């Protein structure tokens, strides 16, 4: 078992049989268990098996904490509630309606993932409204033997929140802290549509650093201790990606498909300067670069160049 602190662990969901793609945080004591981002329903068997290895059953879960409602983070929530209807689900106020009625969320996701929806994510079941607890940021939550602080951290998604366990110094930062695979230092900003907002993301990074966390916990993937340097590299890379997208959008001789292909080609080249071919492919499995193109293109066409 990988331990962040006493009563604070995480598991690898082995998304599509790959290690270090999606992690779920576990907070536990005698009062029960809390999960941070239980992952997609497609990895529910892996989550259940890993919990059972730790002596934890679905019946022991009291709380699910969602950083945001994207399918790779929140997709298994309704399925867990179907097995244990007493679970409380914490989610940002903007995301809550989509957990209760996911029809619009799923329609949007299908436009992005197409025929891959079911194989990637499995079933996304609705969460009963009376089990949803909404957040805006600034709250304190008691769960799994921990007292957590909540911050509103948009940028990757308008409904994104992060959680700090002050006692251990662990900040559960979802996707606002990017994608990073141990033992590497390369950090990727996941920028799928429709909510990318670079200015808000920068403010969220500052908000997390104001916590002075000893450890950043990333859903993709795991714990890292160098929070200030981590966030600096993440924001530098996000700024570089925005520059690339603005330059490609400004090239009238290219079709949009050609712009996307060129963006992906340039990102892949940069990754391969820093890591092996196999490791670069794993980064792309954690956050596809064509999806990042779509999100950043939407952003730059909405926000004028300074």
Protein backbone atom coordinates (compact mmCIF):
# COMPACT_ATOMS: atom_id res chain seq x y z
CA UNK A 1 0.00 0.00 0.00
CA UNK A 2 1.28 3.44 -0.95
CA UNK A 3 0.85 5.80 1.99
CA UNK A 4 0.81 9.61 1.90
CA UNK A 5 0.37 9.88 5.67
CA UNK A 6 -1.33 7.87 8.40
CA UNK A 7 -4.85 7.20 7.14
CA UNK A 8 -4.14 8.80 3.77
CA UNK A 9 -3.41 6.55 0.78
CA UNK A 10 -4.06 6.22 -2.94
CA UNK A 11 -4.54 3.51 -5.52
CA UNK A 12 -3.69 3.12 -9.19
CA UNK A 13 -6.84 2.36 -11.18
CA UNK A 14 -4.75 0.85 -14.03
CA UNK A 15 -6.79 2.66 -16.66
CA UNK A 16 -6.83 0.55 -19.84
CA UNK A 17 -4.31 -1.75 -18.14
CA UNK A 18 -1.72 1.05 -17.88
CA UNK A 19 -0.02 2.15 -14.66
CA UNK A 20 0.12 5.78 -13.49
CA UNK A 21 -2.75 7.14 -15.56
CA UNK A 22 -5.57 7.65 -13.00
CA UNK A 23 -5.25 7.67 -9.20
CA UNK A 24 -7.92 7.71 -6.50
CA UNK A 25 -7.13 9.20 -3.09
CA UNK A 26 -8.28 7.33 0.03
CA UNK A 27 -8.88 8.93 3.43
CA UNK A 28 -9.77 6.41 6.13
CA UNK A 29 -10.14 5.84 9.85
CA UNK A 30 -12.54 3.96 12.13
CA UNK A 31 -15.36 6.38 11.20
CA UNK A 32 -15.26 5.32 7.56
CA UNK A 33 -13.69 6.01 4.19
CA UNK A 34 -13.62 8.99 1.82
CA UNK A 35 -12.54 8.75 -1.82
CA UNK A 36 -11.12 11.63 -3.84
CA UNK A 37 -12.01 11.27 -7.55
CA UNK A 38 -13.13 7.61 -7.80
CA UNK A 39 -12.36 7.53 -11.53
CA UNK A 40 -14.47 6.24 -14.43
CA UNK A 41 -16.92 3.35 -14.17
CA UNK A 42 -14.67 1.37 -16.54
CA UNK A 43 -12.11 1.09 -13.72
CA UNK A 44 -14.62 0.31 -10.97
CA UNK A 45 -13.53 -3.37 -10.79
CA UNK A 46 -9.93 -2.26 -10.23
CA UNK A 47 -10.97 0.26 -7.58
CA UNK A 48 -13.09 -2.34 -5.77
CA UNK A 49 -10.27 -4.89 -5.85
CA UNK A 50 -7.70 -2.39 -4.55
CA UNK A 51 -10.01 -1.32 -1.74
CA UNK A 52 -10.65 -4.96 -0.79
CA UNK A 53 -6.89 -5.56 -0.63
CA UNK A 54 -6.85 -2.83 2.01
CA UNK A 55 -9.73 -4.37 3.92
CA UNK A 56 -12.19 -1.74 2.65
CA UNK A 57 -15.61 -2.53 1.18
CA UNK A 58 -17.98 -0.28 -0.74
CA UNK A 59 -20.17 -0.31 2.38
CA UNK A 60 -17.33 1.42 4.29
CA UNK A 61 -17.36 4.47 1.99
CA UNK A 62 -19.01 7.48 3.61
CA UNK A 63 -17.89 10.30 1.32
CA UNK A 64 -16.85 10.97 -2.28
CA UNK A 65 -14.95 14.19 -2.93
CA UNK A 66 -14.92 15.29 -6.57
CA UNK A 67 -12.41 17.82 -7.84
CA UNK A 68 -14.60 18.10 -10.96
CA UNK A 69 -17.12 16.07 -12.94
CA UNK A 70 -15.11 14.99 -15.99
CA UNK A 71 -15.64 11.32 -16.74
CA UNK A 72 -12.12 10.20 -15.80
CA UNK A 73 -12.58 11.69 -12.33
CA UNK A 74 -16.27 11.31 -11.47
CA UNK A 75 -17.70 8.63 -13.76
CA UNK A 76 -17.90 5.83 -11.16
CA UNK A 77 -19.71 7.96 -8.57
CA UNK A 78 -23.27 6.97 -9.45
CA UNK A 79 -22.32 3.30 -9.65
CA UNK A 80 -20.84 3.48 -6.15
CA UNK A 81 -24.03 5.14 -4.88
CA UNK A 82 -26.06 2.34 -6.43
CA UNK A 83 -24.17 -0.10 -4.20
CA UNK A 84 -24.08 2.18 -1.14
CA UNK A 85 -26.89 4.79 -1.19
CA UNK A 86 -25.67 6.40 2.05
CA UNK A 87 -22.56 7.95 0.45
CA UNK A 88 -22.39 11.76 0.44
CA UNK A 89 -20.97 13.36 -2.71
CA UNK A 90 -19.19 16.74 -2.53
CA UNK A 91 -18.95 18.67 -5.80
CA UNK A 92 -18.86 22.28 -6.94
CA UNK A 93 -22.22 23.96 -7.26
CA UNK A 94 -21.89 24.31 -11.06
CA UNK A 95 -21.08 20.63 -11.50
CA UNK A 96 -23.75 19.30 -9.14
CA UNK A 97 -26.72 19.42 -11.56
CA UNK A 98 -24.75 17.32 -14.07
CA UNK A 99 -24.13 14.61 -11.49
CA UNK A 100 -27.87 14.48 -10.76
CA UNK A 101 -28.85 14.57 -14.45
CA UNK A 102 -25.80 13.75 -16.59
CA UNK A 103 -27.59 13.89 -19.96
CA UNK A 104 -25.97 17.18 -21.11
CA UNK A 105 -22.56 16.14 -19.79
CA UNK A 106 -22.74 12.83 -21.66
CA UNK A 107 -23.96 14.46 -24.87
CA UNK A 108 -21.00 16.83 -24.76
CA UNK A 109 -18.58 14.00 -24.01
CA UNK A 110 -19.92 11.91 -26.89
CA UNK A 111 -19.09 14.73 -29.29
CA UNK A 112 -15.49 14.51 -28.12
CA UNK A 113 -15.04 10.74 -27.66
CA UNK A 114 -17.50 9.34 -30.21
CA UNK A 115 -17.51 5.55 -30.43
CA UNK A 116 -14.85 5.32 -27.70
CA UNK A 117 -17.21 6.55 -24.95
CA UNK A 118 -18.24 3.17 -23.54
CA UNK A 119 -14.85 1.45 -23.78
CA UNK A 120 -13.04 4.40 -22.20
CA UNK A 121 -15.42 5.39 -19.44
CA UNK A 122 -18.16 2.83 -18.97
CA UNK A 123 -21.59 3.80 -17.64
CA UNK A 124 -22.11 7.19 -16.00
CA UNK A 125 -25.02 6.74 -13.60
CA UNK A 126 -26.96 9.62 -12.08
CA UNK A 127 -26.43 10.49 -8.42
CA UNK A 128 -29.56 10.97 -6.27
CA UNK A 129 -29.98 14.66 -5.57
CA UNK A 130 -30.40 14.19 -1.83
CA UNK A 131 -26.87 12.71 -1.62
CA UNK A 132 -25.16 15.70 -3.28
CA UNK A 133 -23.46 18.37 -1.16
CA UNK A 134 -22.55 21.50 -3.12
CA UNK A 135 -19.38 23.55 -2.72
CA UNK A 136 -18.33 27.05 -3.72
CA UNK A 137 -14.88 27.22 -2.08
CA UNK A 138 -13.95 28.26 1.42
CA UNK A 139 -15.71 25.35 3.14
CA UNK A 140 -14.27 22.87 5.63
CA UNK A 141 -15.24 19.21 5.41
CA UNK A 142 -14.81 16.48 8.02
CA UNK A 143 -14.44 13.03 6.44
CA UNK A 144 -12.27 9.94 6.69
CA UNK A 145 -10.82 11.20 9.96
CA UNK A 146 -9.57 14.40 8.29
CA UNK A 147 -10.47 18.08 8.27
CA UNK A 148 -10.23 19.35 4.71
CA UNK A 149 -10.18 22.91 3.40
CA UNK A 150 -11.86 23.57 0.05
CA UNK A 151 -10.73 26.08 -2.58
CA UNK A 152 -12.44 27.03 -5.82
CA UNK A 153 -9.79 26.38 -8.50
CA UNK A 154 -11.13 26.93 -12.05
CA UNK A 155 -9.01 27.10 -15.19
CA UNK A 156 -9.14 23.48 -16.33
CA UNK A 157 -12.88 23.38 -15.62
CA UNK A 158 -15.24 26.08 -14.39
CA UNK A 159 -16.50 23.72 -11.67
CA UNK A 160 -13.09 22.59 -10.36
CA UNK A 161 -12.28 22.57 -6.63
CA UNK A 162 -9.23 21.40 -4.68
CA UNK A 163 -8.93 20.00 -1.16
CA UNK A 164 -6.20 20.53 1.46
CA UNK A 165 -5.53 18.28 4.42
CA UNK A 166 -3.68 20.84 6.53
CA UNK A 167 -2.49 18.22 9.05
CA UNK A 168 -0.47 16.30 6.44
CA UNK A 169 0.09 19.16 4.01
CA UNK A 170 -1.44 17.16 1.13
CA UNK A 171 -3.39 19.15 -1.46
CA UNK A 172 -5.66 17.12 -3.74
CA UNK A 173 -5.42 19.31 -6.82
CA UNK A 174 -7.21 17.27 -9.50
CA UNK A 175 -6.29 18.53 -12.98
CA UNK A 176 -5.42 22.12 -12.06
CA UNK A 177 -1.95 20.81 -11.16
CA UNK A 178 -1.59 19.08 -14.52
CA UNK A 179 -0.30 15.66 -15.55
CA UNK A 180 3.01 14.34 -14.25
CA UNK A 181 4.32 10.80 -14.03
CA UNK A 182 6.91 9.71 -11.49
CA UNK A 183 9.85 9.86 -11.43
CA UNK A 184 9.84 12.51 -14.15
CA UNK A 185 9.64 16.29 -13.86
CA UNK A 186 7.81 16.96 -17.14
CA UNK A 187 4.35 18.45 -16.52
CA UNK A 188 1.54 18.62 -19.08
CA UNK A 189 -1.47 20.97 -18.84
CA UNK A 190 -4.64 19.03 -19.77
CA UNK A 191 -6.72 21.50 -21.81
CA UNK A 192 -9.83 19.78 -23.22
CA UNK A 193 -12.91 21.84 -24.11
CA UNK A 194 -15.04 23.61 -23.10
CA UNK A 195 -13.86 25.51 -19.99
CA UNK A 196 -10.16 26.35 -20.41
CA UNK A 197 -9.36 29.77 -18.92
CA UNK A 198 -5.65 30.50 -18.59
CA UNK A 199 -6.05 33.59 -16.39
CA UNK A 200 -8.31 31.69 -13.98
CA UNK A 201 -5.89 28.75 -14.02
CA UNK A 202 -3.02 31.02 -13.02
CA UNK A 203 -5.05 32.39 -10.11
CA UNK A 204 -5.91 28.83 -9.07
CA UNK A 205 -2.25 27.84 -9.12
CA UNK A 206 -1.50 30.83 -6.88
CA UNK A 207 -4.37 29.83 -4.59
CA UNK A 208 -2.96 26.34 -4.13
CA UNK A 209 0.54 27.70 -3.49
CA UNK A 210 -0.88 30.03 -0.84
CA UNK A 211 -1.78 26.85 1.05
CA UNK A 212 1.99 26.04 1.10
CA UNK A 213 1.30 22.34 0.55
CA UNK A 214 4.00 19.84 1.41
CA UNK A 215 2.59 17.52 -1.28
CA UNK A 216 0.56 18.03 -4.43
CA UNK A 217 -1.62 15.02 -5.19
CA UNK A 218 -2.51 14.71 -8.88
CA UNK A 219 -5.22 12.45 -10.22
CA UNK A 220 -2.80 12.01 -13.15
CA UNK A 221 -0.68 10.85 -11.32
CA UNK A 222 0.17 10.68 -7.64
CA UNK A 223 2.08 12.75 -5.04
CA UNK A 224 4.85 15.28 -5.68
CA UNK A 225 6.63 17.47 -3.13
CA UNK A 226 8.04 20.40 -5.13
CA UNK A 227 4.83 22.45 -5.35
CA UNK A 228 6.27 25.86 -6.30
CA UNK A 229 8.58 24.53 -9.03
CA UNK A 230 5.86 22.18 -10.22
CA UNK A 231 3.33 24.98 -10.69
CA UNK A 232 5.93 27.24 -12.31
CA UNK A 233 6.73 24.64 -14.96
CA UNK A 234 3.05 23.86 -15.50
CA UNK A 235 2.13 27.49 -16.13
CA UNK A 236 5.19 28.08 -18.33
CA UNK A 237 4.18 25.12 -20.49
CA UNK A 238 0.56 26.26 -20.61
CA UNK A 239 1.71 29.70 -21.80
CA UNK A 240 3.89 28.05 -24.46
CA UNK A 241 1.00 25.92 -25.68
CA UNK A 242 -1.19 29.03 -25.96
CA UNK A 243 1.51 30.74 -28.05
CA UNK A 244 1.68 27.71 -30.36
CA UNK A 245 -2.10 27.61 -30.78
CA UNK A 246 -2.34 31.36 -31.45
CA UNK A 247 0.37 31.04 -34.12
CA UNK A 248 -1.38 28.11 -35.78
CA UNK A 249 -4.79 29.82 -35.72
CA UNK A 250 -3.16 32.80 -37.45
CA UNK A 251 -1.99 30.65 -40.41
CA UNK A 252 -4.79 31.03 -43.00
CA UNK A 253 -3.30 28.48 -45.41
CA UNK A 254 -3.93 25.59 -42.98
CA UNK A 255 -7.21 23.80 -42.46
CA UNK A 256 -8.33 23.30 -38.87
CA UNK A 257 -7.47 19.61 -39.08
CA UNK A 258 -3.97 20.52 -40.27
CA UNK A 259 -3.57 22.98 -37.40
CA UNK A 260 -4.55 20.26 -34.91
CA UNK A 261 -2.13 17.78 -36.49
CA UNK A 262 0.70 20.32 -36.34
CA UNK A 263 -0.01 21.13 -32.69
CA UNK A 264 0.05 17.44 -31.77
CA UNK A 265 3.26 16.92 -33.78
CA UNK A 266 5.04 19.76 -31.97
CA UNK A 267 3.96 18.56 -28.52
CA UNK A 268 5.07 15.01 -29.28
CA UNK A 269 8.48 16.25 -30.43
CA UNK A 270 8.94 18.18 -27.18
CA UNK A 271 7.97 15.17 -25.05
CA UNK A 272 10.44 12.95 -26.87
CA UNK A 273 13.22 15.42 -26.09
CA UNK A 274 12.63 14.68 -22.40
CA UNK A 275 11.67 11.00 -22.20
CA UNK A 276 11.44 7.68 -23.97
CA UNK A 277 8.95 6.92 -26.72
CA UNK A 278 6.98 4.62 -24.41
CA UNK A 279 6.79 7.20 -21.63
CA UNK A 280 5.68 9.92 -24.06
CA UNK A 281 2.87 7.64 -25.21
CA UNK A 282 1.77 7.18 -21.58
CA UNK A 283 1.57 10.94 -21.11
CA UNK A 284 -0.68 11.12 -24.15
CA UNK A 285 -2.89 8.35 -22.76
CA UNK A 286 -3.38 10.46 -19.62
CA UNK A 287 -4.39 13.53 -21.66
CA UNK A 288 -4.79 13.37 -25.44
CA UNK A 289 -3.14 16.26 -27.25
CA UNK A 290 -5.77 16.61 -29.96
CA UNK A 291 -8.33 17.23 -27.20
CA UNK A 292 -5.96 19.83 -25.74
CA UNK A 293 -5.85 21.53 -29.14
CA UNK A 294 -9.64 21.80 -29.23
CA UNK A 295 -9.77 23.30 -25.74
CA UNK A 296 -7.02 25.83 -26.36
CA UNK A 297 -8.34 26.78 -29.79
CA UNK A 298 -11.69 27.55 -28.16
CA UNK A 299 -9.88 29.64 -25.52
CA UNK A 300 -7.70 31.70 -27.89
CA UNK A 301 -10.60 32.50 -30.21
CA UNK A 302 -12.54 33.86 -27.21
CA UNK A 303 -9.71 35.76 -25.49
CA UNK A 304 -7.85 38.47 -27.49
CA UNK A 305 -4.07 38.35 -27.55
CA UNK A 306 -2.65 40.78 -24.95
